């Protein structure tokens, strides 16, 4: 296999910066278990997501964040489809059923839509300023969107389920009773974490993009109730130094414990080793060398960023 390209998935076969390619790949997975025509609401969600992120949706600026860009969202959605497929191959597609598949995929598409800034918003200057509350904002958007797509009965559940992708609400406070919806939420949260950590340029994106989002969103430095300033990350390099610990905790406690090792369904999907975990281990091994040897120059990839600045430049050229 040729060297993995920066905006391609872990198999190096799907361009995860392309909504049409990811939509087609997800439809291919869907069609193994359900009728192809029933995929129409998910396809419609892809179109709505693309319009919102590239700045063609009424009342929205388009996606401004550089780490949580269009590629990240599409990468997560493809991972979600693969997890659903692995689960269906092991337990049968009827175990979760068509509605949970559709709502799970739509929620994956809009799990970071809360970073979108409204045109009438005069209080914020950048979508990253919503970092602390972006999941709740995504939930509000899902409540509006799902009735348009024929899944209004599940809109409140999706608004809860999307919190499996964030840190705003402890998981035991997510108000879902149905264990099958909880399982769908575990798959969703797993897809979100695996896709970003397995990104070919994850380390460079943490340094060059995620830290900037944390700064704008008030996450790098936070004010405690007593007025003290708590420094979570003092610099991009400090964030990278703390990344191995974050990834280990995420894999062991969040994915392995709270999400009940839902990532195992990717072994079933791939019919062999979990390619996401392989890429994550490679990223962490490389980062360990960088930190231990002080070879920060080894992080030299400059991946494209698929946010509104990119789309605006592309439109200008045409």
C-alpha atoms as a PDB file:
ATOM      1  CA  UNK A   1       0.000   0.000   0.000  1.00  0.00           C
ATOM      2  CA  UNK A   2       1.274   3.464  -0.849  1.00  0.00           C
ATOM      3  CA  UNK A   3       2.135   5.836   1.985  1.00  0.00           C
ATOM      4  CA  UNK A   4      -0.996   7.023   3.698  1.00  0.00           C
ATOM      5  CA  UNK A   5      -2.195  10.400   2.478  1.00  0.00           C
ATOM      6  CA  UNK A   6      -2.955  13.140   4.981  1.00  0.00           C
ATOM      7  CA  UNK A   7      -6.673  13.437   4.232  1.00  0.00           C
ATOM      8  CA  UNK A   8      -7.373   9.720   3.825  1.00  0.00           C
ATOM      9  CA  UNK A   9      -8.717   7.210   6.322  1.00  0.00           C
ATOM     10  CA  UNK A  10      -6.783   4.440   8.069  1.00  0.00           C
ATOM     11  CA  UNK A  11      -7.150   2.136   5.053  1.00  0.00           C
ATOM     12  CA  UNK A  12      -5.819   4.865   2.722  1.00  0.00           C
ATOM     13  CA  UNK A  13      -8.778   4.227   0.397  1.00  0.00           C
ATOM     14  CA  UNK A  14     -11.380   6.842   1.427  1.00  0.00           C
ATOM     15  CA  UNK A  15     -10.707  10.566   1.142  1.00  0.00           C
ATOM     16  CA  UNK A  16     -12.167  11.774   4.419  1.00  0.00           C
ATOM     17  CA  UNK A  17     -12.099  15.409   3.320  1.00  0.00           C
ATOM     18  CA  UNK A  18     -14.703  14.601   0.652  1.00  0.00           C
ATOM     19  CA  UNK A  19     -18.347  14.446   1.781  1.00  0.00           C
ATOM     20  CA  UNK A  20     -19.367  12.608  -1.394  1.00  0.00           C
ATOM     21  CA  UNK A  21     -16.688   9.918  -0.954  1.00  0.00           C
ATOM     22  CA  UNK A  22     -17.488   9.331   2.701  1.00  0.00           C
ATOM     23  CA  UNK A  23     -21.232   9.348   1.987  1.00  0.00           C
ATOM     24  CA  UNK A  24     -20.702   6.681  -0.682  1.00  0.00           C
ATOM     25  CA  UNK A  25     -18.464   4.600   1.593  1.00  0.00           C
ATOM     26  CA  UNK A  26     -20.992   4.732   4.421  1.00  0.00           C
ATOM     27  CA  UNK A  27     -23.802   3.856   2.016  1.00  0.00           C
ATOM     28  CA  UNK A  28     -21.822   0.807   0.913  1.00  0.00           C
ATOM     29  CA  UNK A  29     -21.629  -0.364   4.527  1.00  0.00           C
ATOM     30  CA  UNK A  30     -25.299   0.435   5.122  1.00  0.00           C
ATOM     31  CA  UNK A  31     -26.351  -1.571   2.065  1.00  0.00           C
ATOM     32  CA  UNK A  32     -24.912  -4.758   3.533  1.00  0.00           C
ATOM     33  CA  UNK A  33     -27.622  -4.651   6.204  1.00  0.00           C
ATOM     34  CA  UNK A  34     -30.531  -2.448   5.103  1.00  0.00           C
ATOM     35  CA  UNK A  35     -32.314  -1.382   1.933  1.00  0.00           C
ATOM     36  CA  UNK A  36     -30.394   1.251  -0.014  1.00  0.00           C
ATOM     37  CA  UNK A  37     -33.418   3.610  -0.405  1.00  0.00           C
ATOM     38  CA  UNK A  38     -33.697   3.855   3.385  1.00  0.00           C
ATOM     39  CA  UNK A  39     -30.280   5.529   3.378  1.00  0.00           C
ATOM     40  CA  UNK A  40     -31.817   8.711   1.911  1.00  0.00           C
ATOM     41  CA  UNK A  41     -32.137  10.601   5.243  1.00  0.00           C
ATOM     42  CA  UNK A  42     -28.470   9.936   6.022  1.00  0.00           C
ATOM     43  CA  UNK A  43     -27.457  11.119   2.562  1.00  0.00           C
ATOM     44  CA  UNK A  44     -29.552  14.250   3.114  1.00  0.00           C
ATOM     45  CA  UNK A  45     -27.712  14.814   6.401  1.00  0.00           C
ATOM     46  CA  UNK A  46     -24.387  14.662   4.540  1.00  0.00           C
ATOM     47  CA  UNK A  47     -25.605  17.410   2.200  1.00  0.00           C
ATOM     48  CA  UNK A  48     -26.818  19.564   5.090  1.00  0.00           C
ATOM     49  CA  UNK A  49     -23.555  19.077   6.963  1.00  0.00           C
ATOM     50  CA  UNK A  50     -21.480  20.043   3.946  1.00  0.00           C
ATOM     51  CA  UNK A  51     -23.579  23.154   3.298  1.00  0.00           C
ATOM     52  CA  UNK A  52     -23.226  24.241   6.926  1.00  0.00           C
ATOM     53  CA  UNK A  53     -19.472  23.663   7.131  1.00  0.00           C
ATOM     54  CA  UNK A  54     -18.556  25.297   3.809  1.00  0.00           C
ATOM     55  CA  UNK A  55     -20.668  28.373   4.554  1.00  0.00           C
ATOM     56  CA  UNK A  56     -23.667  27.785   2.309  1.00  0.00           C
ATOM     57  CA  UNK A  57     -26.265  27.263   5.054  1.00  0.00           C
ATOM     58  CA  UNK A  58     -28.457  30.275   5.846  1.00  0.00           C
ATOM     59  CA  UNK A  59     -27.470  32.131   8.981  1.00  0.00           C
ATOM     60  CA  UNK A  60     -24.139  30.374   9.591  1.00  0.00           C
ATOM     61  CA  UNK A  61     -20.518  31.427   9.086  1.00  0.00           C
ATOM     62  CA  UNK A  62     -19.234  27.965   8.153  1.00  0.00           C
ATOM     63  CA  UNK A  63     -16.800  25.941  10.244  1.00  0.00           C
ATOM     64  CA  UNK A  64     -13.981  28.158  11.517  1.00  0.00           C
ATOM     65  CA  UNK A  65     -12.138  25.706  13.750  1.00  0.00           C
ATOM     66  CA  UNK A  66      -8.969  24.173  12.363  1.00  0.00           C
ATOM     67  CA  UNK A  67      -8.706  20.970  14.422  1.00  0.00           C
ATOM     68  CA  UNK A  68     -12.421  20.220  14.412  1.00  0.00           C
ATOM     69  CA  UNK A  69     -12.752  20.762  10.674  1.00  0.00           C
ATOM     70  CA  UNK A  70     -14.776  18.984   8.007  1.00  0.00           C
ATOM     71  CA  UNK A  71     -12.213  16.187   7.662  1.00  0.00           C
ATOM     72  CA  UNK A  72     -12.470  15.317  11.349  1.00  0.00           C
ATOM     73  CA  UNK A  73     -16.264  15.078  11.192  1.00  0.00           C
ATOM     74  CA  UNK A  74     -16.243  12.889   8.093  1.00  0.00           C
ATOM     75  CA  UNK A  75     -13.505  10.672   9.539  1.00  0.00           C
ATOM     76  CA  UNK A  76     -15.602  10.140  12.675  1.00  0.00           C
ATOM     77  CA  UNK A  77     -18.706   9.340  10.638  1.00  0.00           C
ATOM     78  CA  UNK A  78     -16.877   6.690   8.606  1.00  0.00           C
ATOM     79  CA  UNK A  79     -15.505   5.149  11.819  1.00  0.00           C
ATOM     80  CA  UNK A  80     -19.043   5.125  13.246  1.00  0.00           C
ATOM     81  CA  UNK A  81     -20.335   3.245  10.203  1.00  0.00           C
ATOM     82  CA  UNK A  82     -17.564   0.677  10.571  1.00  0.00           C
ATOM     83  CA  UNK A  83     -18.315   0.175  14.264  1.00  0.00           C
ATOM     84  CA  UNK A  84     -22.010  -0.277  13.496  1.00  0.00           C
ATOM     85  CA  UNK A  85     -21.090  -2.789  10.817  1.00  0.00           C
ATOM     86  CA  UNK A  86     -18.883  -4.773  13.181  1.00  0.00           C
ATOM     87  CA  UNK A  87     -21.644  -4.802  15.776  1.00  0.00           C
ATOM     88  CA  UNK A  88     -24.176  -5.964  13.181  1.00  0.00           C
ATOM     89  CA  UNK A  89     -21.876  -8.728  11.952  1.00  0.00           C
ATOM     90  CA  UNK A  90     -21.489 -10.010  15.495  1.00  0.00           C
ATOM     91  CA  UNK A  91     -25.022  -9.515  16.843  1.00  0.00           C
ATOM     92  CA  UNK A  92     -27.181  -9.087  13.730  1.00  0.00           C
ATOM     93  CA  UNK A  93     -28.349  -5.826  12.178  1.00  0.00           C
ATOM     94  CA  UNK A  94     -31.730  -6.080  13.887  1.00  0.00           C
ATOM     95  CA  UNK A  95     -30.094  -5.817  17.322  1.00  0.00           C
ATOM     96  CA  UNK A  96     -29.711  -2.040  16.949  1.00  0.00           C
ATOM     97  CA  UNK A  97     -31.949  -1.677  13.912  1.00  0.00           C
ATOM     98  CA  UNK A  98     -32.232   0.783  11.079  1.00  0.00           C
ATOM     99  CA  UNK A  99     -33.409   3.754  13.168  1.00  0.00           C
ATOM    100  CA  UNK A 100     -30.445   3.593  15.550  1.00  0.00           C
ATOM    101  CA  UNK A 101     -28.073   3.221  12.625  1.00  0.00           C
ATOM    102  CA  UNK A 102     -29.505   6.280  10.886  1.00  0.00           C
ATOM    103  CA  UNK A 103     -29.690   8.448  13.990  1.00  0.00           C
ATOM    104  CA  UNK A 104     -26.236   7.318  15.087  1.00  0.00           C
ATOM    105  CA  UNK A 105     -24.736   8.283  11.743  1.00  0.00           C
ATOM    106  CA  UNK A 106     -26.560  11.620  11.634  1.00  0.00           C
ATOM    107  CA  UNK A 107     -25.399  12.367  15.172  1.00  0.00           C
ATOM    108  CA  UNK A 108     -21.832  11.559  14.145  1.00  0.00           C
ATOM    109  CA  UNK A 109     -22.149  14.020  11.269  1.00  0.00           C
ATOM    110  CA  UNK A 110     -23.357  16.796  13.551  1.00  0.00           C
ATOM    111  CA  UNK A 111     -21.479  15.957  16.751  1.00  0.00           C
ATOM    112  CA  UNK A 112     -19.237  19.023  16.338  1.00  0.00           C
ATOM    113  CA  UNK A 113     -21.736  21.295  14.609  1.00  0.00           C
ATOM    114  CA  UNK A 114     -21.830  23.258  17.851  1.00  0.00           C
ATOM    115  CA  UNK A 115     -18.636  24.985  16.735  1.00  0.00           C
ATOM    116  CA  UNK A 116     -20.606  26.742  13.989  1.00  0.00           C
ATOM    117  CA  UNK A 117     -21.123  30.430  14.658  1.00  0.00           C
ATOM    118  CA  UNK A 118     -24.333  32.177  13.666  1.00  0.00           C
ATOM    119  CA  UNK A 119     -24.166  35.273  11.515  1.00  0.00           C
ATOM    120  CA  UNK A 120     -26.201  37.230  14.049  1.00  0.00           C
ATOM    121  CA  UNK A 121     -23.786  36.343  16.853  1.00  0.00           C
ATOM    122  CA  UNK A 122     -22.020  39.578  17.820  1.00  0.00           C
ATOM    123  CA  UNK A 123     -20.676  38.243  21.122  1.00  0.00           C
ATOM    124  CA  UNK A 124     -18.179  35.728  19.705  1.00  0.00           C
ATOM    125  CA  UNK A 125     -15.512  36.246  17.083  1.00  0.00           C
ATOM    126  CA  UNK A 126     -14.608  32.618  16.351  1.00  0.00           C
ATOM    127  CA  UNK A 127     -16.263  29.219  16.617  1.00  0.00           C
ATOM    128  CA  UNK A 128     -13.525  27.903  18.913  1.00  0.00           C
ATOM    129  CA  UNK A 129     -14.881  30.178  21.622  1.00  0.00           C
ATOM    130  CA  UNK A 130     -17.699  27.644  21.980  1.00  0.00           C
ATOM    131  CA  UNK A 131     -15.291  24.847  22.971  1.00  0.00           C
ATOM    132  CA  UNK A 132     -16.721  24.363  26.471  1.00  0.00           C
ATOM    133  CA  UNK A 133     -20.351  24.249  25.287  1.00  0.00           C
ATOM    134  CA  UNK A 134     -20.090  23.006  21.709  1.00  0.00           C
ATOM    135  CA  UNK A 135     -21.616  19.595  22.497  1.00  0.00           C
ATOM    136  CA  UNK A 136     -24.733  21.157  23.998  1.00  0.00           C
ATOM    137  CA  UNK A 137     -25.003  23.408  20.940  1.00  0.00           C
ATOM    138  CA  UNK A 138     -24.682  20.339  18.706  1.00  0.00           C
ATOM    139  CA  UNK A 139     -27.507  18.745  20.690  1.00  0.00           C
ATOM    140  CA  UNK A 140     -29.733  21.752  20.024  1.00  0.00           C
ATOM    141  CA  UNK A 141     -29.013  21.508  16.299  1.00  0.00           C
ATOM    142  CA  UNK A 142     -29.888  17.815  16.269  1.00  0.00           C
ATOM    143  CA  UNK A 143     -33.234  18.549  17.907  1.00  0.00           C
ATOM    144  CA  UNK A 144     -34.003  20.898  15.018  1.00  0.00           C
ATOM    145  CA  UNK A 145     -32.557  18.675  12.289  1.00  0.00           C
ATOM    146  CA  UNK A 146     -33.880  15.194  12.979  1.00  0.00           C
ATOM    147  CA  UNK A 147     -37.589  15.994  12.457  1.00  0.00           C
ATOM    148  CA  UNK A 148     -36.660  17.334   8.998  1.00  0.00           C
ATOM    149  CA  UNK A 149     -35.068  13.975   8.220  1.00  0.00           C
ATOM    150  CA  UNK A 150     -37.967  11.871   9.469  1.00  0.00           C
ATOM    151  CA  UNK A 151     -36.491  10.927  12.838  1.00  0.00           C
ATOM    152  CA  UNK A 152     -38.177  13.470  15.079  1.00  0.00           C
ATOM    153  CA  UNK A 153     -39.140  10.795  17.618  1.00  0.00           C
ATOM    154  CA  UNK A 154     -35.447  10.198  18.301  1.00  0.00           C
ATOM    155  CA  UNK A 155     -34.358  13.849  18.453  1.00  0.00           C
ATOM    156  CA  UNK A 156     -34.317  14.040  22.255  1.00  0.00           C
ATOM    157  CA  UNK A 157     -32.352  10.805  22.450  1.00  0.00           C
ATOM    158  CA  UNK A 158     -29.799  12.097  19.935  1.00  0.00           C
ATOM    159  CA  UNK A 159     -29.473  15.293  21.959  1.00  0.00           C
ATOM    160  CA  UNK A 160     -28.462  13.164  24.940  1.00  0.00           C
ATOM    161  CA  UNK A 161     -26.406  10.640  22.971  1.00  0.00           C
ATOM    162  CA  UNK A 162     -24.121  13.280  21.440  1.00  0.00           C
ATOM    163  CA  UNK A 163     -22.744  13.920  24.935  1.00  0.00           C
ATOM    164  CA  UNK A 164     -20.867  10.614  24.663  1.00  0.00           C
ATOM    165  CA  UNK A 165     -18.480  12.564  22.397  1.00  0.00           C
ATOM    166  CA  UNK A 166     -17.715  15.293  24.922  1.00  0.00           C
ATOM    167  CA  UNK A 167     -16.715  16.256  28.428  1.00  0.00           C
ATOM    168  CA  UNK A 168     -19.512  18.665  29.327  1.00  0.00           C
ATOM    169  CA  UNK A 169     -21.603  16.075  31.133  1.00  0.00           C
ATOM    170  CA  UNK A 170     -20.564  12.982  33.136  1.00  0.00           C
ATOM    171  CA  UNK A 171     -21.717   9.856  31.345  1.00  0.00           C
ATOM    172  CA  UNK A 172     -23.871   8.772  34.276  1.00  0.00           C
ATOM    173  CA  UNK A 173     -25.857  11.991  33.817  1.00  0.00           C
ATOM    174  CA  UNK A 174     -26.722  11.255  30.181  1.00  0.00           C
ATOM    175  CA  UNK A 175     -30.469  10.640  30.306  1.00  0.00           C
ATOM    176  CA  UNK A 176     -30.955   7.523  28.168  1.00  0.00           C
ATOM    177  CA  UNK A 177     -32.654   4.429  29.537  1.00  0.00           C
ATOM    178  CA  UNK A 178     -32.730   2.102  26.522  1.00  0.00           C
ATOM    179  CA  UNK A 179     -29.530  -0.022  26.597  1.00  0.00           C
ATOM    180  CA  UNK A 180     -29.512  -0.243  22.803  1.00  0.00           C
ATOM    181  CA  UNK A 181     -29.385   3.540  22.486  1.00  0.00           C
ATOM    182  CA  UNK A 182     -26.665   3.584  25.139  1.00  0.00           C
ATOM    183  CA  UNK A 183     -24.717   1.064  23.062  1.00  0.00           C
ATOM    184  CA  UNK A 184     -25.153   3.295  20.008  1.00  0.00           C
ATOM    185  CA  UNK A 185     -23.786   6.162  22.096  1.00  0.00           C
ATOM    186  CA  UNK A 186     -20.773   4.084  23.098  1.00  0.00           C
ATOM    187  CA  UNK A 187     -20.073   3.384  19.432  1.00  0.00           C
ATOM    188  CA  UNK A 188     -20.380   7.099  18.687  1.00  0.00           C
ATOM    189  CA  UNK A 189     -18.003   8.159  21.447  1.00  0.00           C
ATOM    190  CA  UNK A 190     -15.554   5.462  20.389  1.00  0.00           C
ATOM    191  CA  UNK A 191     -15.645   6.625  16.766  1.00  0.00           C
ATOM    192  CA  UNK A 192     -14.924  10.208  17.802  1.00  0.00           C
ATOM    193  CA  UNK A 193     -11.852   9.366  19.863  1.00  0.00           C
ATOM    194  CA  UNK A 194     -10.394   6.692  17.589  1.00  0.00           C
ATOM    195  CA  UNK A 195     -10.713   8.708  14.385  1.00  0.00           C
ATOM    196  CA  UNK A 196      -8.894  11.749  15.714  1.00  0.00           C
ATOM    197  CA  UNK A 197      -6.100   9.864  17.487  1.00  0.00           C
ATOM    198  CA  UNK A 198      -5.541   7.671  14.398  1.00  0.00           C
ATOM    199  CA  UNK A 199      -5.291  10.684  12.066  1.00  0.00           C
ATOM    200  CA  UNK A 200      -2.028  10.546  10.131  1.00  0.00           C
ATOM    201  CA  UNK A 201      -1.221  14.095  11.267  1.00  0.00           C
ATOM    202  CA  UNK A 202      -2.697  13.872  14.767  1.00  0.00           C
ATOM    203  CA  UNK A 203       0.473  15.085  16.482  1.00  0.00           C
ATOM    204  CA  UNK A 204       0.952  18.103  14.243  1.00  0.00           C
ATOM    205  CA  UNK A 205      -2.742  18.946  14.505  1.00  0.00           C
ATOM    206  CA  UNK A 206      -2.561  18.880  18.306  1.00  0.00           C
ATOM    207  CA  UNK A 207       0.404  21.234  18.268  1.00  0.00           C
ATOM    208  CA  UNK A 208      -0.643  23.591  15.480  1.00  0.00           C
ATOM    209  CA  UNK A 209      -4.438  23.564  15.787  1.00  0.00           C
ATOM    210  CA  UNK A 210      -5.883  22.041  18.944  1.00  0.00           C
ATOM    211  CA  UNK A 211      -3.851  24.208  21.303  1.00  0.00           C
ATOM    212  CA  UNK A 212      -5.061  27.361  19.518  1.00  0.00           C
ATOM    213  CA  UNK A 213      -8.666  26.168  19.867  1.00  0.00           C
ATOM    214  CA  UNK A 214      -8.102  25.496  23.563  1.00  0.00           C
ATOM    215  CA  UNK A 215      -6.730  29.006  24.012  1.00  0.00           C
ATOM    216  CA  UNK A 216      -9.685  30.644  22.284  1.00  0.00           C
ATOM    217  CA  UNK A 217     -12.128  28.392  24.128  1.00  0.00           C
ATOM    218  CA  UNK A 218     -10.692  29.055  27.563  1.00  0.00           C
ATOM    219  CA  UNK A 219      -9.405  25.519  28.024  1.00  0.00           C
ATOM    220  CA  UNK A 220      -5.641  26.108  28.037  1.00  0.00           C
ATOM    221  CA  UNK A 221      -6.011  28.344  31.091  1.00  0.00           C
ATOM    222  CA  UNK A 222      -9.085  28.312  33.304  1.00  0.00           C
ATOM    223  CA  UNK A 223     -10.175  30.412  36.262  1.00  0.00           C
ATOM    224  CA  UNK A 224     -11.083  28.414  39.354  1.00  0.00           C
ATOM    225  CA  UNK A 225     -14.072  29.409  41.532  1.00  0.00           C
ATOM    226  CA  UNK A 226     -11.653  30.962  44.027  1.00  0.00           C
ATOM    227  CA  UNK A 227     -10.136  33.140  41.313  1.00  0.00           C
ATOM    228  CA  UNK A 228      -6.936  31.153  40.789  1.00  0.00           C
ATOM    229  CA  UNK A 229      -5.748  30.578  37.218  1.00  0.00           C
ATOM    230  CA  UNK A 230      -5.373  26.868  36.424  1.00  0.00           C
ATOM    231  CA  UNK A 231      -2.947  26.210  33.575  1.00  0.00           C
ATOM    232  CA  UNK A 232      -3.909  23.024  31.761  1.00  0.00           C
ATOM    233  CA  UNK A 233      -1.563  23.584  28.827  1.00  0.00           C
ATOM    234  CA  UNK A 234       1.114  26.276  28.894  1.00  0.00           C
ATOM    235  CA  UNK A 235       2.127  25.904  25.247  1.00  0.00           C
ATOM    236  CA  UNK A 236       1.663  23.703  22.178  1.00  0.00           C
ATOM    237  CA  UNK A 237       4.704  21.695  23.252  1.00  0.00           C
ATOM    238  CA  UNK A 238       3.242  21.226  26.733  1.00  0.00           C
ATOM    239  CA  UNK A 239       0.030  19.900  25.188  1.00  0.00           C
ATOM    240  CA  UNK A 240       2.038  17.355  23.203  1.00  0.00           C
ATOM    241  CA  UNK A 241       3.967  16.275  26.279  1.00  0.00           C
ATOM    242  CA  UNK A 242       0.637  15.538  27.974  1.00  0.00           C
ATOM    243  CA  UNK A 243      -0.834  13.768  24.936  1.00  0.00           C
ATOM    244  CA  UNK A 244       0.538  10.264  25.752  1.00  0.00           C
ATOM    245  CA  UNK A 245      -1.161  10.393  29.145  1.00  0.00           C
ATOM    246  CA  UNK A 246      -4.394  11.641  27.600  1.00  0.00           C
ATOM    247  CA  UNK A 247      -4.395   8.890  24.963  1.00  0.00           C
ATOM    248  CA  UNK A 248      -3.604   6.152  27.470  1.00  0.00           C
ATOM    249  CA  UNK A 249      -6.371   7.297  29.803  1.00  0.00           C
ATOM    250  CA  UNK A 250      -8.792   7.574  26.888  1.00  0.00           C
ATOM    251  CA  UNK A 251      -8.023   4.090  25.604  1.00  0.00           C
ATOM    252  CA  UNK A 252      -8.073   2.392  29.001  1.00  0.00           C
ATOM    253  CA  UNK A 253     -10.776   4.219  30.952  1.00  0.00           C
ATOM    254  CA  UNK A 254     -13.041   5.893  28.397  1.00  0.00           C
ATOM    255  CA  UNK A 255     -12.989   3.391  25.536  1.00  0.00           C
ATOM    256  CA  UNK A 256     -11.995   0.281  27.446  1.00  0.00           C
ATOM    257  CA  UNK A 257     -14.114   0.887  30.525  1.00  0.00           C
ATOM    258  CA  UNK A 258     -16.938   3.387  30.123  1.00  0.00           C
ATOM    259  CA  UNK A 259     -17.604   2.373  26.506  1.00  0.00           C
ATOM    260  CA  UNK A 260     -17.262  -1.347  27.275  1.00  0.00           C
ATOM    261  CA  UNK A 261     -14.498  -1.944  24.687  1.00  0.00           C
ATOM    262  CA  UNK A 262     -16.818  -1.072  21.818  1.00  0.00           C
ATOM    263  CA  UNK A 263     -13.709  -0.657  19.651  1.00  0.00           C
ATOM    264  CA  UNK A 264     -13.565  -4.456  19.406  1.00  0.00           C
ATOM    265  CA  UNK A 265     -16.245  -4.283  16.735  1.00  0.00           C
ATOM    266  CA  UNK A 266     -13.660  -2.818  14.373  1.00  0.00           C
ATOM    267  CA  UNK A 267     -11.769  -6.125  14.552  1.00  0.00           C
ATOM    268  CA  UNK A 268     -14.947  -7.745  13.275  1.00  0.00           C
ATOM    269  CA  UNK A 269     -15.428  -5.109  10.569  1.00  0.00           C
ATOM    270  CA  UNK A 270     -11.869  -5.404   9.286  1.00  0.00           C
ATOM    271  CA  UNK A 271     -11.741  -9.165   9.730  1.00  0.00           C
ATOM    272  CA  UNK A 272      -8.423  -8.764  11.470  1.00  0.00           C
ATOM    273  CA  UNK A 273      -6.437  -6.187  13.444  1.00  0.00           C
ATOM    274  CA  UNK A 274      -8.077  -2.888  14.334  1.00  0.00           C
ATOM    275  CA  UNK A 275      -6.400  -0.455  11.939  1.00  0.00           C
ATOM    276  CA  UNK A 276      -7.370   2.541  14.079  1.00  0.00           C
ATOM    277  CA  UNK A 277      -5.571   1.148  17.114  1.00  0.00           C
ATOM    278  CA  UNK A 278      -2.543   0.332  14.963  1.00  0.00           C
ATOM    279  CA  UNK A 279      -2.325   3.929  13.756  1.00  0.00           C
ATOM    280  CA  UNK A 280      -2.785   5.264  17.289  1.00  0.00           C
ATOM    281  CA  UNK A 281       0.037   3.104  18.584  1.00  0.00           C
ATOM    282  CA  UNK A 282       2.278   4.305  15.741  1.00  0.00           C
ATOM    283  CA  UNK A 283       1.458   7.938  16.559  1.00  0.00           C
ATOM    284  CA  UNK A 284       2.228   7.421  20.240  1.00  0.00           C
ATOM    285  CA  UNK A 285       5.475   5.567  19.518  1.00  0.00           C
ATOM    286  CA  UNK A 286       6.599   8.423  17.287  1.00  0.00           C
ATOM    287  CA  UNK A 287       5.625  11.008  19.906  1.00  0.00           C
ATOM    288  CA  UNK A 288       7.547   9.106  22.594  1.00  0.00           C
ATOM    289  CA  UNK A 289      10.678   9.330  20.482  1.00  0.00           C
ATOM    290  CA  UNK A 290      10.111  13.030  19.843  1.00  0.00           C
ATOM    291  CA  UNK A 291       9.727  13.752  23.563  1.00  0.00           C
ATOM    292  CA  UNK A 292      12.515  11.486  24.802  1.00  0.00           C
ATOM    293  CA  UNK A 293      15.073  12.717  22.246  1.00  0.00           C
ATOM    294  CA  UNK A 294      13.837  16.269  22.089  1.00  0.00           C
ATOM    295  CA  UNK A 295      13.416  15.871  18.326  1.00  0.00           C
ATOM    296  CA  UNK A 296      10.526  18.279  17.833  1.00  0.00           C
ATOM    297  CA  UNK A 297      11.757  18.785  14.268  1.00  0.00           C
ATOM    298  CA  UNK A 298      10.414  15.315  13.446  1.00  0.00           C
ATOM    299  CA  UNK A 299       6.877  16.713  13.593  1.00  0.00           C
ATOM    300  CA  UNK A 300       7.032  18.346  10.183  1.00  0.00           C
ATOM    301  CA  UNK A 301       3.819  17.357   8.428  1.00  0.00           C
ATOM    302  CA  UNK A 302       1.663  20.237   7.211  1.00  0.00           C
ATOM    303  CA  UNK A 303      -1.753  18.734   6.479  1.00  0.00           C
ATOM    304  CA  UNK A 304      -4.462  20.693   4.678  1.00  0.00           C
ATOM    305  CA  UNK A 305      -7.199  22.207   6.822  1.00  0.00           C
ATOM    306  CA  UNK A 306     -10.787  21.921   5.627  1.00  0.00           C
ATOM    307  CA  UNK A 307     -12.473  24.874   7.301  1.00  0.00           C
ATOM    308  CA  UNK A 308     -14.191  27.999   6.007  1.00  0.00           C
ATOM    309  CA  UNK A 309     -10.885  29.677   5.117  1.00  0.00           C
ATOM    310  CA  UNK A 310     -10.042  26.758   2.837  1.00  0.00           C
ATOM    311  CA  UNK A 311     -13.463  26.722   1.225  1.00  0.00           C
ATOM    312  CA  UNK A 312     -13.451  30.495   0.726  1.00  0.00           C
ATOM    313  CA  UNK A 313     -10.061  30.369  -1.016  1.00  0.00           C
ATOM    314  CA  UNK A 314     -11.254  27.523  -3.181  1.00  0.00           C
ATOM    315  CA  UNK A 315     -14.373  29.452  -4.171  1.00  0.00           C
ATOM    316  CA  UNK A 316     -12.269  32.505  -5.025  1.00  0.00           C
ATOM    317  CA  UNK A 317     -10.116  30.492  -7.419  1.00  0.00           C
ATOM    318  CA  UNK A 318     -13.246  29.464  -9.276  1.00  0.00           C
END
